[in-house]
PDB file of N, CA and C in Angstrom:
ATOM      1  N   MET A   1       3.239  12.974   6.434  1.00  0.00           N
ATOM      2  CA  MET A   1       2.241  11.663   5.984  1.00  0.00           C
ATOM      3  C   MET A   1       0.914  11.538   7.316  1.00  0.00           C
ATOM      4  N   LEU A   2       1.861  10.344   8.143  1.00  0.00           N
ATOM      5  CA  LEU A   2       1.471  10.682   9.386  1.00  0.00           C
ATOM      6  C   LEU A   2       0.357  11.648   9.946  1.00  0.00           C
ATOM      7  N   MET A   3       0.971  13.175  10.425  1.00  0.00           N
ATOM      8  CA  MET A   3       0.213  14.230  10.905  1.00  0.00           C
ATOM      9  C   MET A   3      -1.032  14.253   9.761  1.00  0.00           C
ATOM     10  N   PHE A   4      -0.811  15.225   7.976  1.00  0.00           N
ATOM     11  CA  PHE A   4      -2.025  14.807   7.806  1.00  0.00           C
ATOM     12  C   PHE A   4      -3.026  13.659   8.000  1.00  0.00           C
ATOM     13  N   GLY A   5      -2.472  12.387   8.112  1.00  0.00           N
ATOM     14  CA  GLY A   5      -3.599  11.411   8.056  1.00  0.00           C
ATOM     15  C   GLY A   5      -3.846  11.446   9.677  1.00  0.00           C
ATOM     16  N   ALA A   6      -3.459  11.701  10.349  1.00  0.00           N
ATOM     17  CA  ALA A   6      -4.614  12.664  11.826  1.00  0.00           C
ATOM     18  C   ALA A   6      -5.592  13.870  11.387  1.00  0.00           C
ATOM     19  N   ILE A   7      -4.634  14.619  10.997  1.00  0.00           N
ATOM     20  CA  ILE A   7      -5.746  15.932  10.486  1.00  0.00           C
ATOM     21  C   ILE A   7      -6.761  15.670  10.411  1.00  0.00           C
ATOM     22  N   TRP A   8      -6.851  14.531   8.794  1.00  0.00           N
ATOM     23  CA  TRP A   8      -8.192  13.919   7.823  1.00  0.00           C
ATOM     24  C   TRP A   8      -9.472  13.493   9.268  1.00  0.00           C
ATOM     25  N   ALA A   9      -8.424  12.569  10.016  1.00  0.00           N
ATOM     26  CA  ALA A   9      -9.250  11.705  11.113  1.00  0.00           C
ATOM     27  C   ALA A   9     -10.413  12.736  11.943  1.00  0.00           C
ATOM     28  N   GLN A  10      -8.938  13.378  11.906  1.00  0.00           N
ATOM     29  CA  GLN A  10      -9.824  14.452  13.124  1.00  0.00           C
ATOM     30  C   GLN A  10     -10.669  14.979  12.105  1.00  0.00           C
ATOM     31  N   ASP A  11     -10.801  15.378  11.124  1.00  0.00           N
ATOM     32  CA  ASP A  11     -12.581  15.827  10.260  1.00  0.00           C
ATOM     33  C   ASP A  11     -13.096  15.141  10.421  1.00  0.00           C
ATOM     34  N   ALA A  12     -12.667  13.700   9.718  1.00  0.00           N
ATOM     35  CA  ALA A  12     -13.299  12.096   9.135  1.00  0.00           C
ATOM     36  C   ALA A  12     -14.023  11.425   9.986  1.00  0.00           C
ATOM     37  N   TRP A  13     -13.558  11.505  11.748  1.00  0.00           N
ATOM     38  CA  TRP A  13     -14.120  10.692  12.750  1.00  0.00           C
ATOM     39  C   TRP A  13     -13.868  11.193  13.984  1.00  0.00           C
ATOM     40  N   GLY A  14     -13.401  12.884  14.096  1.00  0.00           N
ATOM     41  CA  GLY A  14     -13.507  13.435  14.919  1.00  0.00           C
ATOM     42  C   GLY A  14     -12.811  12.552  16.359  1.00  0.00           C
ATOM     43  N   ARG A  15     -11.912  11.987  16.106  1.00  0.00           N
ATOM     44  CA  ARG A  15     -10.495  11.935  16.693  1.00  0.00           C
ATOM     45  C   ARG A  15      -9.357  12.132  15.803  1.00  0.00           C
ATOM     46  N   TYR A  16      -8.077  11.946  16.146  1.00  0.00           N
ATOM     47  CA  TYR A  16      -6.516  11.710  15.751  1.00  0.00           C
ATOM     48  C   TYR A  16      -6.528  10.590  15.459  1.00  0.00           C
ATOM     49  N   TRP A  17      -6.530   9.726  17.223  1.00  0.00           N
ATOM     50  CA  TRP A  17      -5.793   8.457  16.471  1.00  0.00           C
ATOM     51  C   TRP A  17      -6.646   7.428  18.316  1.00  0.00           C
ATOM     52  N   ALA A  18      -6.306   6.557  17.087  1.00  0.00           N
ATOM     53  CA  ALA A  18      -7.396   5.768  17.639  1.00  0.00           C
ATOM     54  C   ALA A  18      -6.374   4.556  18.449  1.00  0.00           C
ATOM     55  N   TRP A  19      -6.505   3.278  18.919  1.00  0.00           N
ATOM     56  CA  TRP A  19      -5.739   2.817  19.386  1.00  0.00           C
ATOM     57  C   TRP A  19      -6.415   1.128  19.015  1.00  0.00           C
ATOM     58  N   ASP A  20      -6.479   1.012  17.334  1.00  0.00           N
ATOM     59  CA  ASP A  20      -7.029   0.436  16.678  1.00  0.00           C
ATOM     60  C   ASP A  20      -6.284  -0.886  15.979  1.00  0.00           C
ATOM     61  N   PRO A  21      -6.107  -1.674  15.682  1.00  0.00           N
ATOM     62  CA  PRO A  21      -5.046  -2.684  15.089  1.00  0.00           C
ATOM     63  C   PRO A  21      -4.148  -2.194  14.386  1.00  0.00           C
ATOM     64  N   LEU A  22      -5.127  -2.116  13.457  1.00  0.00           N
ATOM     65  CA  LEU A  22      -4.081  -0.856  11.727  1.00  0.00           C
ATOM     66  C   LEU A  22      -3.637  -0.051  11.772  1.00  0.00           C
ATOM     67  N   GLU A  23      -3.982   1.264  12.295  1.00  0.00           N
ATOM     68  CA  GLU A  23      -3.524   2.061  12.833  1.00  0.00           C
ATOM     69  C   GLU A  23      -2.573   2.291  13.260  1.00  0.00           C
ATOM     70  N   THR A  24      -2.303   1.056  14.677  1.00  0.00           N
ATOM     71  CA  THR A  24      -0.736   1.062  15.148  1.00  0.00           C
ATOM     72  C   THR A  24      -0.140   0.204  14.717  1.00  0.00           C
ATOM     73  N   TRP A  25      -0.570  -0.830  13.748  1.00  0.00           N
ATOM     74  CA  TRP A  25       0.604  -1.809  13.036  1.00  0.00           C
ATOM     75  C   TRP A  25       1.772  -0.617  12.359  1.00  0.00           C
ATOM     76  N   ALA A  26       0.170   0.172  11.384  1.00  0.00           N
ATOM     77  CA  ALA A  26       0.819   1.045   9.977  1.00  0.00           C
ATOM     78  C   ALA A  26       1.650   2.095  10.583  1.00  0.00           C
ATOM     79  N   PHE A  27       1.549   2.268  12.235  1.00  0.00           N
ATOM     80  CA  PHE A  27       2.358   3.071  12.679  1.00  0.00           C
ATOM     81  C   PHE A  27       4.150   2.281  13.123  1.00  0.00           C
ATOM     82  N   LEU A  28       3.701   1.596  13.807  1.00  0.00           N
ATOM     83  CA  LEU A  28       5.203   0.572  13.924  1.00  0.00           C
ATOM     84  C   LEU A  28       5.491  -0.508  12.711  1.00  0.00           C
ATOM     85  N   THR A  29       5.148   0.051  11.648  1.00  0.00           N
ATOM     86  CA  THR A  29       5.632   0.366  10.170  1.00  0.00           C
ATOM     87  C   THR A  29       6.371   1.078   9.841  1.00  0.00           C
ATOM     88  N   TRP A  30       5.621   2.616   9.845  1.00  0.00           N
ATOM     89  CA  TRP A  30       6.806   3.605   9.904  1.00  0.00           C
ATOM     90  C   TRP A  30       7.527   3.698  10.729  1.00  0.00           C
ATOM     91  N   MET A  31       7.638   3.747  11.463  1.00  0.00           N
ATOM     92  CA  MET A  31       8.739   3.953  11.960  1.00  0.00           C
ATOM     93  C   MET A  31       9.846   2.588  11.713  1.00  0.00           C
ATOM     94  N   SER A  32       9.412   1.262  11.673  1.00  0.00           N
ATOM     95  CA  SER A  32      10.230   0.843  10.889  1.00  0.00           C
ATOM     96  C   SER A  32      11.226   1.111   9.364  1.00  0.00           C
ATOM     97  N   VAL A  33      10.259   1.720   8.685  1.00  0.00           N
ATOM     98  CA  VAL A  33      11.088   2.673   7.803  1.00  0.00           C
ATOM     99  C   VAL A  33      11.716   3.396   8.371  1.00  0.00           C
ATOM    100  N   ILE A  34      11.900   4.384   9.122  1.00  0.00           N
ATOM    101  CA  ILE A  34      12.515   5.334   9.600  1.00  0.00           C
ATOM    102  C   ILE A  34      14.099   4.751  10.117  1.00  0.00           C
ATOM    103  N   PHE A  35      13.626   3.423  11.043  1.00  0.00           N
ATOM    104  CA  PHE A  35      15.191   3.001  12.076  1.00  0.00           C
ATOM    105  C   PHE A  35      15.758   1.897  10.722  1.00  0.00           C
ATOM    106  N   VAL A  36      15.026   1.814   9.379  1.00  0.00           N
ATOM    107  CA  VAL A  36      15.649   0.726   8.282  1.00  0.00           C
ATOM    108  C   VAL A  36      16.221   2.576   7.444  1.00  0.00           C
ATOM    109  N   LEU A  37      16.365   3.094   6.907  1.00  0.00           N
ATOM    110  CA  LEU A  37      17.335   4.789   6.629  1.00  0.00           C
ATOM    111  C   LEU A  37      17.582   5.086   7.148  1.00  0.00           C
ATOM    112  N   HIS A  38      17.766   5.561   8.511  1.00  0.00           N
ATOM    113  CA  HIS A  38      18.461   6.028   9.225  1.00  0.00           C
ATOM    114  C   HIS A  38      19.935   4.717   9.567  1.00  0.00           C
ATOM    115  N   TRP A  39      19.197   3.898   9.763  1.00  0.00           N
ATOM    116  CA  TRP A  39      20.979   2.432   9.461  1.00  0.00           C
ATOM    117  C   TRP A  39      20.764   2.952   8.360  1.00  0.00           C
ATOM    118  N   ARG A  40      20.851   2.460   7.481  1.00  0.00           N
ATOM    119  CA  ARG A  40      21.089   3.302   5.620  1.00  0.00           C
ATOM    120  C   ARG A  40      22.067   4.245   5.818  1.00  0.00           C
ATOM    121  N   LEU A  41      22.171   5.412   6.660  1.00  0.00           N
ATOM    122  CA  LEU A  41      22.683   6.106   6.530  1.00  0.00           C
ATOM    123  C   LEU A  41      23.717   6.739   7.188  1.00  0.00           C
ATOM    124  N   ASN A  42      23.678   5.558   8.445  1.00  0.00           N
ATOM    125  CA  ASN A  42      24.641   6.247   9.620  1.00  0.00           C
ATOM    126  C   ASN A  42      25.988   4.778   9.502  1.00  0.00           C
ATOM    127  N   TYR A  43      25.650   3.678   8.955  1.00  0.00           N
ATOM    128  CA  TYR A  43      26.129   2.598  10.031  1.00  0.00           C
ATOM    129  C   TYR A  43      26.244   1.915   8.513  1.00  0.00           C
ATOM    130  N   SER A  44      27.380   0.971   7.922  1.00  0.00           N
ATOM    131  CA  SER A  44      28.127   0.525   6.486  1.00  0.00           C
ATOM    132  C   SER A  44      27.508  -1.355   6.913  1.00  0.00           C
ATOM    133  N   ARG A  45      27.158  -1.620   7.066  1.00  0.00           N
ATOM    134  CA  ARG A  45      27.035  -3.129   7.797  1.00  0.00           C
ATOM    135  C   ARG A  45      25.973  -3.980   6.546  1.00  0.00           C
ATOM    136  N   GLN A  46      26.261  -3.560   5.203  1.00  0.00           N
ATOM    137  CA  GLN A  46      25.291  -4.026   4.688  1.00  0.00           C
ATOM    138  C   GLN A  46      25.157  -5.465   4.451  1.00  0.00           C
ATOM    139  N   ALA A  47      24.927  -6.299   5.653  1.00  0.00           N
ATOM    140  CA  ALA A  47      24.278  -7.708   5.242  1.00  0.00           C
ATOM    141  C   ALA A  47      22.887  -7.029   6.685  1.00  0.00           C
ATOM    142  N   ILE A  48      23.653  -6.241   7.832  1.00  0.00           N
ATOM    143  CA  ILE A  48      22.753  -5.826   8.932  1.00  0.00           C
ATOM    144  C   ILE A  48      21.527  -5.636   7.872  1.00  0.00           C
ATOM    145  N   TYR A  49      21.655  -4.249   7.054  1.00  0.00           N
ATOM    146  CA  TYR A  49      20.802  -3.711   6.327  1.00  0.00           C
ATOM    147  C   TYR A  49      20.319  -4.561   5.231  1.00  0.00           C
ATOM    148  N   ALA A  50      20.714  -5.679   4.481  1.00  0.00           N
ATOM    149  CA  ALA A  50      19.356  -6.463   4.366  1.00  0.00           C
ATOM    150  C   ALA A  50      18.686  -7.376   5.061  1.00  0.00           C
ATOM    151  N   ALA A  51      19.223  -7.857   6.237  1.00  0.00           N
ATOM    152  CA  ALA A  51      17.844  -7.875   6.604  1.00  0.00           C
ATOM    153  C   ALA A  51      16.756  -7.086   7.398  1.00  0.00           C
ATOM    154  N   LEU A  52      17.987  -6.109   7.365  1.00  0.00           N
ATOM    155  CA  LEU A  52      16.299  -4.866   8.237  1.00  0.00           C
ATOM    156  C   LEU A  52      15.770  -5.007   7.069  1.00  0.00           C
ATOM    157  N   VAL A  53      16.071  -4.268   6.253  1.00  0.00           N
ATOM    158  CA  VAL A  53      15.609  -4.214   4.802  1.00  0.00           C
ATOM    159  C   VAL A  53      13.846  -5.338   4.296  1.00  0.00           C
ATOM    160  N   VAL A  54      14.624  -6.949   4.527  1.00  0.00           N
ATOM    161  CA  VAL A  54      13.523  -7.513   4.236  1.00  0.00           C
ATOM    162  C   VAL A  54      12.500  -7.843   5.573  1.00  0.00           C
ATOM    163  N   GLY A  55      13.183  -7.894   6.634  1.00  0.00           N
ATOM    164  CA  GLY A  55      11.925  -7.672   7.925  1.00  0.00           C
ATOM    165  C   GLY A  55      11.261  -5.922   7.493  1.00  0.00           C
ATOM    166  N   CYS A  56      11.490  -5.064   7.530  1.00  0.00           N
ATOM    167  CA  CYS A  56      10.780  -4.464   7.345  1.00  0.00           C
ATOM    168  C   CYS A  56       9.280  -4.826   6.233  1.00  0.00           C
ATOM    169  N   PHE A  57      10.127  -5.183   4.551  1.00  0.00           N
ATOM    170  CA  PHE A  57       9.204  -5.639   4.451  1.00  0.00           C
ATOM    171  C   PHE A  57       8.112  -6.505   4.488  1.00  0.00           C
ATOM    172  N   THR A  58       8.366  -7.189   5.418  1.00  0.00           N
ATOM    173  CA  THR A  58       7.271  -8.928   6.019  1.00  0.00           C
ATOM    174  C   THR A  58       6.661  -7.298   6.839  1.00  0.00           C
ATOM    175  N   LEU A  59       6.778  -6.374   7.961  1.00  0.00           N
ATOM    176  CA  LEU A  59       6.379  -5.821   8.407  1.00  0.00           C
ATOM    177  C   LEU A  59       5.009  -5.435   7.752  1.00  0.00           C
ATOM    178  N   ALA A  60       5.302  -4.157   7.272  1.00  0.00           N
ATOM    179  CA  ALA A  60       4.451  -3.949   5.976  1.00  0.00           C
ATOM    180  C   ALA A  60       3.475  -5.378   4.932  1.00  0.00           C
ATOM    181  N   PHE A  61       3.825  -5.758   5.273  1.00  0.00           N
ATOM    182  CA  PHE A  61       2.842  -7.126   4.267  1.00  0.00           C
ATOM    183  C   PHE A  61       2.139  -7.790   5.309  1.00  0.00           C
ATOM    184  N   LEU A  62       2.584  -8.436   6.434  1.00  0.00           N
ATOM    185  CA  LEU A  62       2.018  -8.487   7.631  1.00  0.00           C
ATOM    186  C   LEU A  62       0.716  -7.094   7.445  1.00  0.00           C
ATOM    187  N   THR A  63       1.444  -5.927   7.851  1.00  0.00           N
ATOM    188  CA  THR A  63       0.355  -5.125   8.327  1.00  0.00           C
ATOM    189  C   THR A  63      -0.956  -4.724   7.241  1.00  0.00           C
ATOM    190  N   PHE A  64      -0.718  -4.572   6.311  1.00  0.00           N
ATOM    191  CA  PHE A  64      -1.329  -4.634   4.256  1.00  0.00           C
ATOM    192  C   PHE A  64      -2.560  -5.996   4.941  1.00  0.00           C
ATOM    193  N   PHE A  65      -2.163  -7.027   4.629  1.00  0.00           N
ATOM    194  CA  PHE A  65      -2.986  -8.170   4.504  1.00  0.00           C
ATOM    195  C   PHE A  65      -3.544  -8.477   5.739  1.00  0.00           C
ATOM    196  N   GLY A  66      -2.206  -8.542   6.210  1.00  0.00           N
ATOM    197  CA  GLY A  66      -2.597  -9.439   7.776  1.00  0.00           C
ATOM    198  C   GLY A  66      -3.169  -9.517   8.741  1.00  0.00           C
ATOM    199  N   VAL A  67      -3.032  -7.678   9.165  1.00  0.00           N
ATOM    200  CA  VAL A  67      -4.262  -7.052  10.547  1.00  0.00           C
ATOM    201  C   VAL A  67      -5.403  -7.148  10.213  1.00  0.00           C
ATOM    202  N   PRO A  68      -5.746  -6.018   8.873  1.00  0.00           N
ATOM    203  CA  PRO A  68      -7.040  -6.163   8.260  1.00  0.00           C
ATOM    204  C   PRO A  68      -8.168  -8.341   8.495  1.00  0.00           C
ATOM    205  N   LEU A  69      -7.623  -9.170   7.910  1.00  0.00           N
ATOM    206  CA  LEU A  69      -7.386 -10.264   7.725  1.00  0.00           C
ATOM    207  C   LEU A  69      -7.729 -11.314   9.697  1.00  0.00           C
ATOM    208  N   LEU A  70      -7.220 -10.401  10.290  1.00  0.00           N
ATOM    209  CA  LEU A  70      -7.302 -10.850  11.811  1.00  0.00           C
ATOM    210  C   LEU A  70      -7.704  -9.520  12.998  1.00  0.00           C
ATOM    211  N   SER A  71      -8.219  -9.247  12.776  1.00  0.00           N
ATOM    212  CA  SER A  71      -9.017  -8.276  13.877  1.00  0.00           C
ATOM    213  C   SER A  71     -10.467  -7.091  13.480  1.00  0.00           C
ATOM    214  N   THR A  72     -10.497  -7.464  14.711  1.00  0.00           N
ATOM    215  CA  THR A  72     -12.283  -7.390  15.004  1.00  0.00           C
ATOM    216  C   THR A  72     -12.712  -5.841  14.813  1.00  0.00           C
ATOM    217  N   ALA A  73     -11.300  -5.544  15.132  1.00  0.00           N
ATOM    218  CA  ALA A  73     -11.894  -3.745  14.888  1.00  0.00           C
ATOM    219  C   ALA A  73     -12.509  -3.514  13.406  1.00  0.00           C
ATOM    220  N   PRO A  74     -13.381  -1.508  14.137  1.00  0.00           N
ATOM    221  CA  PRO A  74     -14.218  -1.391  12.096  1.00  0.00           C
ATOM    222  C   PRO A  74     -12.902  -1.520  11.857  1.00  0.00           C
ATOM    223  N   HIS A  75     -12.422  -0.258  12.024  1.00  0.00           N
ATOM    224  CA  HIS A  75     -11.257  -0.001  11.116  1.00  0.00           C
ATOM    225  C   HIS A  75     -10.564  -1.075  10.558  1.00  0.00           C
ATOM    226  N   LYS A  76     -10.962  -1.683   9.407  1.00  0.00           N
ATOM    227  CA  LYS A  76     -10.589  -3.066   8.171  1.00  0.00           C
ATOM    228  C   LYS A  76      -9.695  -2.860   7.218  1.00  0.00           C
ATOM    229  N   GLY A  77      -9.295  -1.280   7.288  1.00  0.00           N
ATOM    230  CA  GLY A  77      -8.638  -1.512   6.495  1.00  0.00           C
ATOM    231  C   GLY A  77      -9.363  -1.335   4.934  1.00  0.00           C
ATOM    232  N   MET A  78      -8.989  -1.174   3.391  1.00  0.00           N
ATOM    233  CA  MET A  78      -9.202  -1.667   2.331  1.00  0.00           C
ATOM    234  C   MET A  78      -9.935  -2.807   2.144  1.00  0.00           C
ATOM    235  N   ILE A  79      -9.708  -4.007   2.714  1.00  0.00           N
ATOM    236  CA  ILE A  79      -9.791  -5.566   2.250  1.00  0.00           C
ATOM    237  C   ILE A  79     -11.085  -5.817   3.340  1.00  0.00           C
TER     238      ILE A  79
END
């Protein structure tokens, strides 16, 4: 999805990636999801996994709702 989004951005805006806050935090959210899934497959500590899932959900929530409210970048997302 990140690759196809970058290809679409190249066609839409003429660039693959810009370091605006929403794109950067969305990338960090996807990396945290990948980390949580990796943890789930390779380790068996359920208490730590539950904390990671809650942290990942919180990060996703703040990325979707918090960053567009606080950002001054032109790429403000859907809000």
